[in-house]
Structures are given as structure tokens and as C-alpha cells.
Amino acid sequence: MKNLLILGAGTAGTMMANHLRPKLKQNQWKITIVDQFKTHYYQPGFLFLPFDTYSEDQVKKVGKKFIPKGVNYIQKKIERILPQENKVELVDEIIQYDILIIATGSKIAPEETEGLLGPLWKKDIFDFYTFEGALALRNKLREWKGGELVVHLTEMPIKCPVAPLEFSFLADSFFREKGMRDKVEITYVTPLTGAFTKPTCSTALSYLLEEKNIKMIPDFSIEMVDNEKKELVDFEGKSIPFDLLVTIPTNMGDDLIKRSGMGDELNFVPTHKHTLQSEAHENIFVIGDATNVPASKAGSVAHFQAETLTDNIILYINGYTLKEEFDGHANCFIETGHNKALLIDFNYVTEPVHGTFPFAGIGPLSLLKESVLNHWGKLAFRWIYWNMLLKGIPIPFVSRNMSFKGKIFDIKR
């Protein structure tokens, strides 16, 4: 009996358990998944929690219910990976593996920025990339009377790169609906030169910022947060005042990766960007936010990766060459407020494009164009996530690699 071990029962790990269990004979392969946390969160829902669009129960469930029968589930803290010995240390046991899948995700690291975890943390400074942060921010927004709202991005990469912009757009809509938009000045602060990492998308999003009277401050590399003056300070000495700061702190891979000596400076695991095999160990594979591949750290990316990785695990077991197939495909809905959203579709080499999705000329979704239908597509994804994506059920008409049908694009090779 051989052992396939999955570390992490979040989005990527749970999908891999569901993909692989039907494909590996149970009398030949034991599959084990390990995660220290009981609760599974629908992380895209954290964006909506502060605005009371979603309730707490809509974004969390017991994680074990999504692990398929025939998979051994262990809820314990993982201490260390020993790749030279093909072992993983848990708090009170050691597990041997033949194949290891690392799906330990990423997390915010506010301690990386001086002053961020100061006396104003969870009082006038909030994140919404954690359940606790989004909930605390919801409670704050319910009673906040207005002032300088600063939405701040510390550095890339982050989970869901469009979420900070979405928060800004939704805040504009939220305060208008409350009849107090004139009492709130919204400023979007980013270390990037534009609104987004992809130039064509950045142009479209910059227009929306102007339209919604949201001020953007680019090229801001934060040094510290001054809690007494309530200011962000960059390395050149520039400062930005705030009454309410909504920040996306540095994102890092799990501390487990650092303890195991397997990551880069941000604890992300060096990974072949097309095969998803570890660059250092051939029987270790990495998926989702845990990788250092230059793709978005988003659920859609993990979904597309899972399909390629499943094929490559089977090829590896049978001694065949791995497919260099994953192309960095990502598609993301971008909430723009007032029940509208954009949809973007791109990969490693292709910018977000105009056109239709998923069917050429038909859609029904439009790319890089606001629509009510895109907004409902974003909201519908929560049902798809819980009922299809996590369970490894294919999403009809959405291919793992980017399709160019029905799109106006410029491939940069």
C-alpha cells in the first residue's frame, strides 16, 4: 500500500482529494489529508461580509463534510515536512508518504509592517482577508459616521488581486445607499504604478475609480503605520492620513514551509509553473496559494490547476513524462458596485481581453465590461463553490486552459 498525503484541506487540498480518490485504487493507494482547522471558509465571501451582503453562516462550513469517503482525514497541526526522508511531522505522529501534495495556502502577515498591529488594530485599522477581520470591519461600518477611508495594498502577491479594488467600489456603493457618500472620502493606495497588475485591465479599472470619485495614490511603498497621527508613511517620507484604514497586509505562505526550509522569502514553494511539480523534489507537488507560480492567487486558478495536477499525478505514478500544461489561466469577477460587475479572463502571457464568456459571440457574460449579469454570476459562484468546485465536479463549458474563442486579444510571446 502506497501513501499519498495532502497537506491542507482548504480549496485546493479539498479539490485534490475529490479528484484523486476515484482515480486511485483503494487497495493500492491510501489518501490522507491533514489540516489543523475544523472550519472551511468561502474566502471570496469575506469581501461581502463587511457590507452585510452575506451572513456569517454563508461563508463557513465544517470542512470534513467535503472530504470524500475513502480519504483519511486528520485534524492536527503540521509541524514540519522532511522531504529527504519522505515524512511529515504532526504534533504527535509522523506520516510517511510516497507522494506529497502541498496545499497549505497563504495568510496575511500584518506583523511584517511596522505599526500595523498597533493600538488601532481592529479599532480603526482592519483587514478583510480573514473571517475575523471582515466581521470586525462589518461591525465598524455599521456605526461609522464618515471621514477619510483609505483602502491600502501593502505589496504583491496577494490572494485575489482584484479584491482591494472591489472593496473600494463596494464601499462607494454602500455609502451612497446609506445616503452618506458626501461624508466619506475614499482613497485607494497601491504600490503598483496602476490600478491592477495587468495594463489593459488597469486602464478599465482606473476609469471606474475616476467615475466613482475614488482617489488613487500609486507607487506607495509603505514603511510604517503611525498610530498616533493616524497616517501611512512610505519609505520616501510621504504620509497619507486616515480615519478608517482598510488594509491588505503582506501575504505569505504558511509558517510550516519556513520551518521545513522549502520556501522563498515569502514562504511560497518554488514550483514548476506548467506541471505544478516542486522544483526541488520530484515526488512533491504544490497547488493553489502555496506555490510561487506567477498566476493569481485565486480560487479559479486553484480549480484549473487541480485538473492539470490530477492528470500529472497519474502520469507520475505510471512513470510517464508530466504534461507542461497549466497556462496560468484565471478568470475573476470584479464587483463594481450598484449590482454590477466586470469579468476578466487571462493567463501567464495574455492580458485580460474584451469579448464574451464562455461562448463565443453568445456569452452570456461579457469581458471587461460592466453588467448586472456579471454581478449575478459573482453571487452564483458561492453555490458553485460549495456544490461543484470543492467536490471536483467539472464546471460545464469552462476549460482549464484559456480559450481564445470569442475574444479580442493580443498574445505577448
Protein backbone atom coordinates (compact mmCIF):
# COMPACT_ATOMS: atom_id res chain seq x y z
CA MET A 1 0.00 0.00 0.00
CA LYS A 2 1.37 3.38 -1.01
CA ASN A 3 0.58 6.69 0.65
CA LEU A 4 -0.48 9.96 -0.97
CA LEU A 5 -0.53 12.77 1.56
CA ILE A 6 -2.25 16.14 1.11
CA LEU A 7 -1.31 18.99 3.43
CA GLY A 8 -4.15 21.50 3.76
CA ALA A 9 -7.90 20.97 3.46
CA GLY A 10 -8.72 24.38 2.04
CA THR A 11 -9.93 24.95 -1.50
CA ALA A 12 -7.01 23.34 -3.34
CA GLY A 13 -6.45 20.43 -0.97
CA THR A 14 -10.12 19.50 -0.79
CA MET A 15 -10.42 19.58 -4.58
CA MET A 16 -7.39 17.32 -4.97
CA ALA A 17 -8.83 14.78 -2.52
CA ASN A 18 -12.06 14.69 -4.52
CA HIS A 19 -10.28 14.48 -7.87
CA LEU A 20 -7.85 11.73 -6.89
CA ARG A 21 -9.91 9.36 -4.77
CA PRO A 22 -11.92 7.95 -7.72
CA LYS A 23 -8.76 7.64 -9.84
CA LEU A 24 -6.51 5.75 -7.40
CA LYS A 25 -7.34 2.16 -6.45
CA GLN A 26 -8.10 1.94 -2.77
CA ASN A 27 -6.24 -1.35 -2.42
CA GLN A 28 -3.11 0.32 -3.79
CA TRP A 29 -3.21 3.91 -2.55
CA LYS A 30 -4.13 5.34 0.83
CA ILE A 31 -5.00 9.03 0.62
CA THR A 32 -4.65 11.16 3.74
CA ILE A 33 -5.44 14.86 4.13
CA VAL A 34 -4.26 16.88 7.12
CA ASP A 35 -5.47 20.28 8.34
CA GLN A 36 -5.42 21.80 11.81
CA PHE A 37 -8.63 23.78 11.35
CA LYS A 38 -12.17 22.46 11.61
CA THR A 39 -13.85 25.24 9.63
CA HIS A 40 -13.71 25.66 5.86
CA TYR A 41 -14.23 29.25 4.71
CA TYR A 42 -15.55 30.55 1.42
CA GLN A 43 -12.91 33.23 1.24
CA PRO A 44 -14.43 35.27 -1.63
CA GLY A 45 -17.32 35.89 0.74
CA PHE A 46 -15.09 37.88 3.08
CA LEU A 47 -15.40 40.76 0.61
CA PHE A 48 -19.16 40.88 1.18
CA LEU A 49 -19.26 40.38 4.95
CA PRO A 50 -18.31 43.99 5.83
CA PHE A 51 -21.26 45.29 3.79
CA ASP A 52 -23.80 42.85 5.28
CA THR A 53 -24.35 41.25 1.86
CA TYR A 54 -23.51 37.81 3.22
CA SER A 55 -24.14 36.45 6.69
CA GLU A 56 -21.53 34.63 8.74
CA ASP A 57 -23.10 31.24 8.04
CA GLN A 58 -22.94 31.75 4.28
CA VAL A 59 -19.15 31.86 4.24
CA LYS A 60 -18.22 28.96 6.53
CA LYS A 61 -18.97 25.26 6.89
CA VAL A 62 -17.45 22.24 8.60
CA GLY A 63 -14.57 21.24 6.35
CA LYS A 64 -14.77 17.50 6.95
CA LYS A 65 -18.12 17.20 5.14
CA PHE A 66 -16.37 17.98 1.83
CA ILE A 67 -13.71 15.28 2.21
CA PRO A 68 -14.75 12.23 0.16
CA LYS A 69 -15.29 8.77 1.60
CA GLY A 70 -12.17 6.68 1.42
CA VAL A 71 -9.89 9.59 2.33
CA ASN A 72 -8.32 9.56 5.79
CA TYR A 73 -8.92 12.96 7.41
CA ILE A 74 -6.63 14.14 10.22
CA GLN A 75 -7.29 17.38 12.08
CA LYS A 76 -3.90 18.22 13.60
CA LYS A 77 -1.22 20.86 13.34
CA ILE A 78 1.58 20.08 10.90
CA GLU A 79 4.99 20.71 12.44
CA ARG A 80 7.43 20.06 9.62
CA ILE A 81 7.98 18.44 6.25
CA LEU A 82 11.08 16.24 5.94
CA PRO A 83 11.41 15.91 2.16
CA GLN A 84 14.68 13.98 2.23
CA GLU A 85 13.00 11.29 4.35
CA ASN A 86 9.56 11.42 2.68
CA LYS A 87 8.00 12.14 6.05
CA VAL A 88 5.75 14.78 7.63
CA GLU A 89 5.80 15.50 11.35
CA LEU A 90 2.49 16.26 13.03
CA VAL A 91 2.16 17.32 16.66
CA ASP A 92 2.14 13.74 17.92
CA GLU A 93 2.88 11.43 14.99
CA ILE A 94 4.93 11.04 11.85
CA ILE A 95 3.38 10.18 8.48
CA GLN A 96 5.35 8.55 5.68
CA TYR A 97 4.41 9.43 2.10
CA ASP A 98 5.21 8.29 -1.43
CA ILE A 99 3.64 11.39 -2.98
CA LEU A 100 3.07 14.69 -1.19
CA ILE A 101 0.74 17.48 -2.28
CA ILE A 102 1.31 20.82 -0.55
CA ALA A 103 -1.89 22.88 -0.44
CA THR A 104 -1.22 24.95 2.68
CA GLY A 105 -2.38 28.25 1.17
CA SER A 106 -1.32 31.72 2.21
CA LYS A 107 -2.15 34.08 5.05
CA ILE A 108 -1.89 37.73 5.97
CA ALA A 109 1.23 38.81 7.87
CA PRO A 110 0.44 42.24 9.38
CA GLU A 111 3.47 41.88 11.65
CA GLU A 112 5.65 42.48 8.58
CA THR A 113 4.68 46.19 8.57
CA GLU A 114 5.77 48.37 11.48
CA GLY A 115 2.85 49.78 13.44
CA LEU A 116 0.14 47.81 11.67
CA LEU A 117 -0.54 45.70 14.75
CA GLY A 118 -0.54 48.79 16.96
CA PRO A 119 -3.28 50.08 19.28
CA LEU A 120 -5.60 50.92 16.35
CA TRP A 121 -5.70 47.34 15.02
CA LYS A 122 -9.33 46.16 14.89
CA LYS A 123 -10.41 49.62 16.11
CA ASP A 124 -9.67 51.96 13.20
CA ILE A 125 -7.44 49.61 11.17
CA PHE A 126 -8.92 46.47 9.66
CA ASP A 127 -8.30 43.71 7.16
CA PHE A 128 -10.99 41.77 5.34
CA TYR A 129 -8.80 38.85 4.24
CA THR A 130 -9.67 36.89 7.38
CA PHE A 131 -13.07 35.92 8.72
CA GLU A 132 -12.36 37.70 12.00
CA GLY A 133 -11.14 40.83 10.22
CA ALA A 134 -14.12 41.01 7.86
CA LEU A 135 -16.52 40.53 10.77
CA ALA A 136 -14.88 43.25 12.86
CA LEU A 137 -14.95 45.61 9.87
CA ARG A 138 -18.67 44.89 9.35
CA ASN A 139 -19.36 45.93 12.93
CA LYS A 140 -17.30 49.09 12.46
CA LEU A 141 -19.06 50.09 9.22
CA ARG A 142 -22.46 49.66 10.83
CA GLU A 143 -21.76 52.60 13.13
CA TRP A 144 -19.05 54.62 11.34
CA LYS A 145 -20.07 58.25 10.73
CA GLY A 146 -17.67 59.03 7.90
CA GLY A 147 -14.30 60.63 7.26
CA GLU A 148 -11.13 59.59 5.40
CA LEU A 149 -11.42 55.95 4.29
CA VAL A 150 -8.13 54.60 2.97
CA VAL A 151 -8.05 51.23 1.19
CA HIS A 152 -4.44 50.12 1.13
CA LEU A 153 -2.48 47.35 -0.56
CA THR A 154 0.89 46.62 1.06
CA GLU A 155 2.64 44.52 -1.59
CA MET A 156 2.14 41.80 -4.16
CA PRO A 157 1.44 38.91 -4.42
CA ILE A 158 -1.86 38.69 -2.56
CA LYS A 159 -4.86 36.40 -2.58
CA CYS A 160 -7.41 37.64 -5.12
CA PRO A 161 -5.53 40.66 -6.54
CA VAL A 162 -8.75 42.42 -7.53
CA ALA A 163 -10.34 42.31 -4.06
CA PRO A 164 -8.89 45.63 -2.79
CA LEU A 165 -10.38 47.41 -5.80
CA GLU A 166 -13.67 45.59 -5.35
CA PHE A 167 -13.78 46.75 -1.74
CA SER A 168 -13.29 50.35 -2.86
CA PHE A 169 -16.09 50.10 -5.42
CA LEU A 170 -18.45 48.37 -2.98
CA ALA A 171 -17.67 50.98 -0.32
CA ASP A 172 -18.69 53.72 -2.75
CA SER A 173 -21.97 51.91 -3.43
CA PHE A 174 -22.51 51.13 0.27
CA PHE A 175 -22.14 54.72 1.43
CA ARG A 176 -24.31 56.05 -1.40
CA GLU A 177 -27.09 53.69 -0.41
CA LYS A 178 -26.74 54.89 3.19
CA GLY A 179 -27.02 58.49 2.00
CA MET A 180 -23.61 59.46 3.38
CA ARG A 181 -21.24 59.26 0.42
CA ASP A 182 -20.64 63.01 0.71
CA LYS A 183 -19.28 62.39 4.21
CA VAL A 184 -16.71 59.82 3.06
CA GLU A 185 -13.55 60.43 1.05
CA ILE A 186 -12.23 57.16 -0.39
CA THR A 187 -8.55 56.83 -1.31
CA TYR A 188 -7.05 53.75 -2.92
CA VAL A 189 -3.34 53.34 -2.12
CA THR A 190 -1.19 50.85 -4.02
CA PRO A 191 2.50 50.07 -4.53
CA LEU A 192 1.72 49.40 -8.20
CA THR A 193 2.03 52.03 -10.92
CA GLY A 194 -1.61 51.47 -11.87
CA ALA A 195 -4.85 50.10 -10.50
CA PHE A 196 -4.04 46.45 -11.34
CA THR A 197 -1.15 44.21 -12.32
CA LYS A 198 -2.33 43.82 -15.93
CA PRO A 199 -2.13 47.06 -18.00
CA THR A 200 -5.30 46.59 -20.10
CA CYS A 201 -7.35 45.82 -17.02
CA SER A 202 -5.67 48.62 -15.10
CA THR A 203 -6.89 51.12 -17.70
CA ALA A 204 -10.51 49.97 -17.32
CA LEU A 205 -10.36 49.97 -13.55
CA SER A 206 -8.71 53.41 -13.38
CA TYR A 207 -11.65 54.82 -15.32
CA LEU A 208 -14.03 53.37 -12.76
CA LEU A 209 -12.06 54.90 -9.92
CA GLU A 210 -12.39 58.32 -11.52
CA GLU A 211 -16.08 57.80 -12.25
CA LYS A 212 -16.78 56.90 -8.63
CA ASN A 213 -14.66 59.76 -7.25
CA ILE A 214 -12.15 57.42 -5.65
CA LYS A 215 -8.70 58.96 -5.42
CA MET A 216 -5.80 56.66 -6.34
CA ILE A 217 -2.27 57.03 -4.98
CA PRO A 218 0.10 54.70 -6.89
CA ASP A 219 3.76 53.81 -6.26
CA PHE A 220 3.31 53.97 -2.48
CA SER A 221 5.77 51.63 -0.74
CA ILE A 222 4.75 51.63 2.90
CA GLU A 223 7.35 51.80 5.66
CA MET A 224 5.11 52.08 8.69
CA VAL A 225 1.74 52.97 10.17
CA ASP A 226 1.81 55.89 12.63
CA ASN A 227 -0.95 55.08 15.11
CA GLU A 228 -0.71 58.41 16.94
CA LYS A 229 -1.01 60.59 13.84
CA LYS A 230 -3.22 58.03 12.05
CA GLU A 231 -1.05 58.09 8.94
CA LEU A 232 0.52 55.71 6.46
CA VAL A 233 4.18 56.59 5.88
CA ASP A 234 6.23 55.41 2.91
CA PHE A 235 9.99 54.99 2.56
CA GLU A 236 10.32 58.43 0.97
CA GLY A 237 8.65 60.13 3.92
CA LYS A 238 5.28 60.75 2.23
CA SER A 239 2.29 60.34 4.51
CA ILE A 240 -1.41 59.62 3.97
CA PRO A 241 -3.88 60.44 6.77
CA PHE A 242 -6.83 58.17 7.56
CA ASP A 243 -9.79 57.96 9.86
CA LEU A 244 -10.53 54.38 8.84
CA LEU A 245 -7.86 52.18 7.26
CA VAL A 246 -8.77 49.00 5.40
CA THR A 247 -5.51 47.31 4.56
CA ILE A 248 -4.34 44.20 2.78
CA PRO A 249 -1.19 43.26 4.67
CA THR A 250 1.73 41.32 3.23
CA ASN A 251 0.60 37.83 2.18
CA MET A 252 2.90 34.92 2.98
CA GLY A 253 2.89 31.16 2.70
CA ASP A 254 2.28 29.05 5.77
CA ASP A 255 4.94 29.11 8.52
CA LEU A 256 5.20 25.34 8.02
CA ILE A 257 7.04 25.99 4.76
CA LYS A 258 9.63 28.13 6.55
CA ARG A 259 10.05 25.55 9.33
CA SER A 260 10.66 22.95 6.63
CA GLY A 261 13.18 25.07 4.72
CA MET A 262 11.23 24.67 1.50
CA GLY A 263 10.12 28.20 0.59
CA ASP A 264 11.27 31.53 -0.79
CA GLU A 265 11.47 34.74 1.22
CA LEU A 266 7.65 34.84 1.45
CA ASN A 267 7.33 31.12 2.30
CA PHE A 268 5.95 30.19 -1.12
CA VAL A 269 7.21 26.89 -2.53
CA PRO A 270 9.26 27.06 -5.78
CA THR A 271 7.06 25.23 -8.27
CA HIS A 272 7.25 24.43 -11.98
CA LYS A 273 4.66 26.81 -13.38
CA HIS A 274 3.31 24.41 -16.01
CA THR A 275 3.49 20.97 -14.30
CA LEU A 276 2.98 22.07 -10.64
CA GLN A 277 5.77 19.78 -9.52
CA SER A 278 8.13 21.01 -6.80
CA GLU A 279 11.34 22.31 -8.31
CA ALA A 280 13.35 20.59 -5.58
CA HIS A 281 11.63 17.23 -5.06
CA GLU A 282 10.08 15.14 -7.82
CA ASN A 283 7.55 13.35 -5.59
CA ILE A 284 6.21 16.62 -4.16
CA PHE A 285 3.57 18.69 -5.95
CA VAL A 286 2.25 22.13 -5.00
CA ILE A 287 -1.08 23.77 -5.75
CA GLY A 288 -3.02 26.96 -5.08
CA ASP A 289 -1.75 29.83 -2.98
CA ALA A 290 1.17 27.78 -1.62
CA THR A 291 3.02 27.95 -4.95
CA ASN A 292 5.31 30.70 -6.23
CA VAL A 293 3.97 30.44 -9.79
CA PRO A 294 3.25 33.85 -11.38
CA ALA A 295 -0.52 33.29 -11.53
CA SER A 296 -3.24 34.95 -9.47
CA LYS A 297 -3.76 33.51 -6.02
CA ALA A 298 -7.46 32.93 -6.59
CA GLY A 299 -9.94 30.07 -6.33
CA SER A 300 -10.43 29.85 -10.08
CA VAL A 301 -6.69 29.33 -10.54
CA ALA A 302 -6.63 26.52 -7.96
CA HIS A 303 -9.58 24.95 -9.79
CA PHE A 304 -7.77 24.97 -13.14
CA GLN A 305 -4.53 23.80 -11.52
CA ALA A 306 -6.32 20.87 -9.87
CA GLU A 307 -7.37 19.43 -13.21
CA THR A 308 -3.83 19.56 -14.60
CA LEU A 309 -2.28 18.33 -11.36
CA THR A 310 -4.63 15.35 -11.18
CA ASP A 311 -3.51 14.26 -14.64
CA ASN A 312 0.14 14.77 -13.73
CA ILE A 313 -0.13 12.75 -10.52
CA ILE A 314 -1.48 9.82 -12.55
CA LEU A 315 1.28 10.24 -15.13
CA TYR A 316 3.90 10.36 -12.37
CA ILE A 317 2.56 7.20 -10.73
CA ASN A 318 2.71 5.36 -14.06
CA GLY A 319 6.20 6.59 -14.87
CA TYR A 320 5.30 8.91 -17.73
CA THR A 321 6.52 12.42 -18.51
CA LEU A 322 4.44 15.13 -16.89
CA LYS A 323 2.32 17.45 -19.01
CA GLU A 324 3.57 21.03 -19.10
CA GLU A 325 0.02 22.17 -19.50
CA PHE A 326 -1.13 24.70 -16.89
CA ASP A 327 -1.05 28.12 -18.56
CA GLY A 328 -1.76 30.37 -15.58
CA HIS A 329 -5.44 30.61 -16.51
CA ALA A 330 -7.55 32.82 -14.25
CA ASN A 331 -11.00 34.31 -14.53
CA CYS A 332 -12.33 36.68 -11.92
CA PHE A 333 -15.48 38.67 -11.40
CA ILE A 334 -14.79 42.21 -10.22
CA GLU A 335 -17.64 43.78 -8.27
CA THR A 336 -18.00 47.44 -9.26
CA GLY A 337 -20.94 48.35 -7.02
CA HIS A 338 -24.61 49.08 -7.66
CA ASN A 339 -25.25 45.43 -8.61
CA LYS A 340 -22.78 45.40 -11.47
CA ALA A 341 -19.51 43.59 -12.08
CA LEU A 342 -16.76 43.11 -14.62
CA LEU A 343 -15.35 39.74 -15.68
CA ILE A 344 -11.71 39.25 -16.63
CA ASP A 345 -10.08 36.22 -18.26
CA PHE A 346 -6.31 35.90 -18.71
CA ASN A 347 -3.25 33.67 -18.29
CA TYR A 348 0.53 33.87 -17.96
CA VAL A 349 1.07 35.55 -21.34
CA THR A 350 -2.30 37.01 -22.27
CA GLU A 351 -3.74 40.23 -20.90
CA PRO A 352 -7.40 40.41 -19.83
CA VAL A 353 -9.37 40.71 -23.06
CA HIS A 354 -12.67 42.01 -24.36
CA GLY A 355 -15.23 39.61 -25.74
CA THR A 356 -17.74 37.08 -24.44
CA PHE A 357 -17.58 34.19 -21.98
CA PRO A 358 -17.88 31.24 -22.01
CA PHE A 359 -19.39 31.02 -25.51
CA ALA A 360 -18.01 32.91 -28.49
CA GLY A 361 -20.37 35.67 -29.59
CA ILE A 362 -23.09 34.48 -27.23
CA GLY A 363 -21.71 34.89 -23.73
CA PRO A 364 -23.90 35.32 -21.84
CA LEU A 365 -21.18 37.02 -19.80
CA SER A 366 -19.19 39.97 -21.13
CA LEU A 367 -15.48 40.54 -20.56
CA LEU A 368 -14.01 43.82 -19.33
CA LYS A 369 -17.46 45.37 -19.40
CA GLU A 370 -19.78 46.15 -16.50
CA SER A 371 -23.07 44.29 -16.41
CA VAL A 372 -25.75 43.18 -13.97
CA LEU A 373 -25.39 39.61 -15.29
CA ASN A 374 -21.73 39.56 -14.28
CA HIS A 375 -22.77 40.61 -10.77
CA TRP A 376 -25.20 37.72 -10.52
CA GLY A 377 -22.50 35.44 -11.87
CA LYS A 378 -20.28 36.51 -8.98
CA LEU A 379 -23.01 35.81 -6.43
CA ALA A 380 -23.86 32.47 -8.08
CA PHE A 381 -20.28 31.34 -7.71
CA ARG A 382 -20.83 30.76 -3.99
CA TRP A 383 -23.29 27.95 -4.80
CA ILE A 384 -20.94 26.58 -7.45
CA TYR A 385 -18.08 26.63 -4.94
CA TRP A 386 -19.84 24.63 -2.23
CA ASN A 387 -21.69 22.23 -4.55
CA MET A 388 -19.37 21.66 -7.50
CA LEU A 389 -15.88 23.13 -7.29
CA LEU A 390 -14.90 21.69 -3.90
CA LYS A 391 -16.35 18.31 -4.83
CA GLY A 392 -14.29 18.10 -8.01
CA ILE A 393 -17.33 18.28 -10.27
CA PRO A 394 -16.42 19.84 -13.65
CA ILE A 395 -17.93 23.25 -14.35
CA PRO A 396 -19.58 22.95 -17.79
CA PHE A 397 -18.12 24.92 -20.71
CA VAL A 398 -15.21 26.34 -18.68
CA SER A 399 -11.89 24.93 -19.85
CA ARG A 400 -8.83 24.55 -17.66
CA ASN A 401 -6.69 26.49 -20.14
CA MET A 402 -7.66 29.87 -21.51
CA SER A 403 -9.83 29.73 -24.60
CA PHE A 404 -9.40 32.45 -27.22
CA LYS A 405 -12.78 31.87 -28.87
CA GLY A 406 -14.98 34.95 -28.97
CA LYS A 407 -12.25 37.21 -27.63
CA ILE A 408 -10.28 40.17 -28.87
CA PHE A 409 -6.78 39.63 -27.61
CA ASP A 410 -3.12 40.31 -28.10
CA ILE A 411 -0.85 37.44 -27.13
CA LYS A 412 2.57 38.53 -25.97
CA ARG A 413 5.06 35.74 -26.51
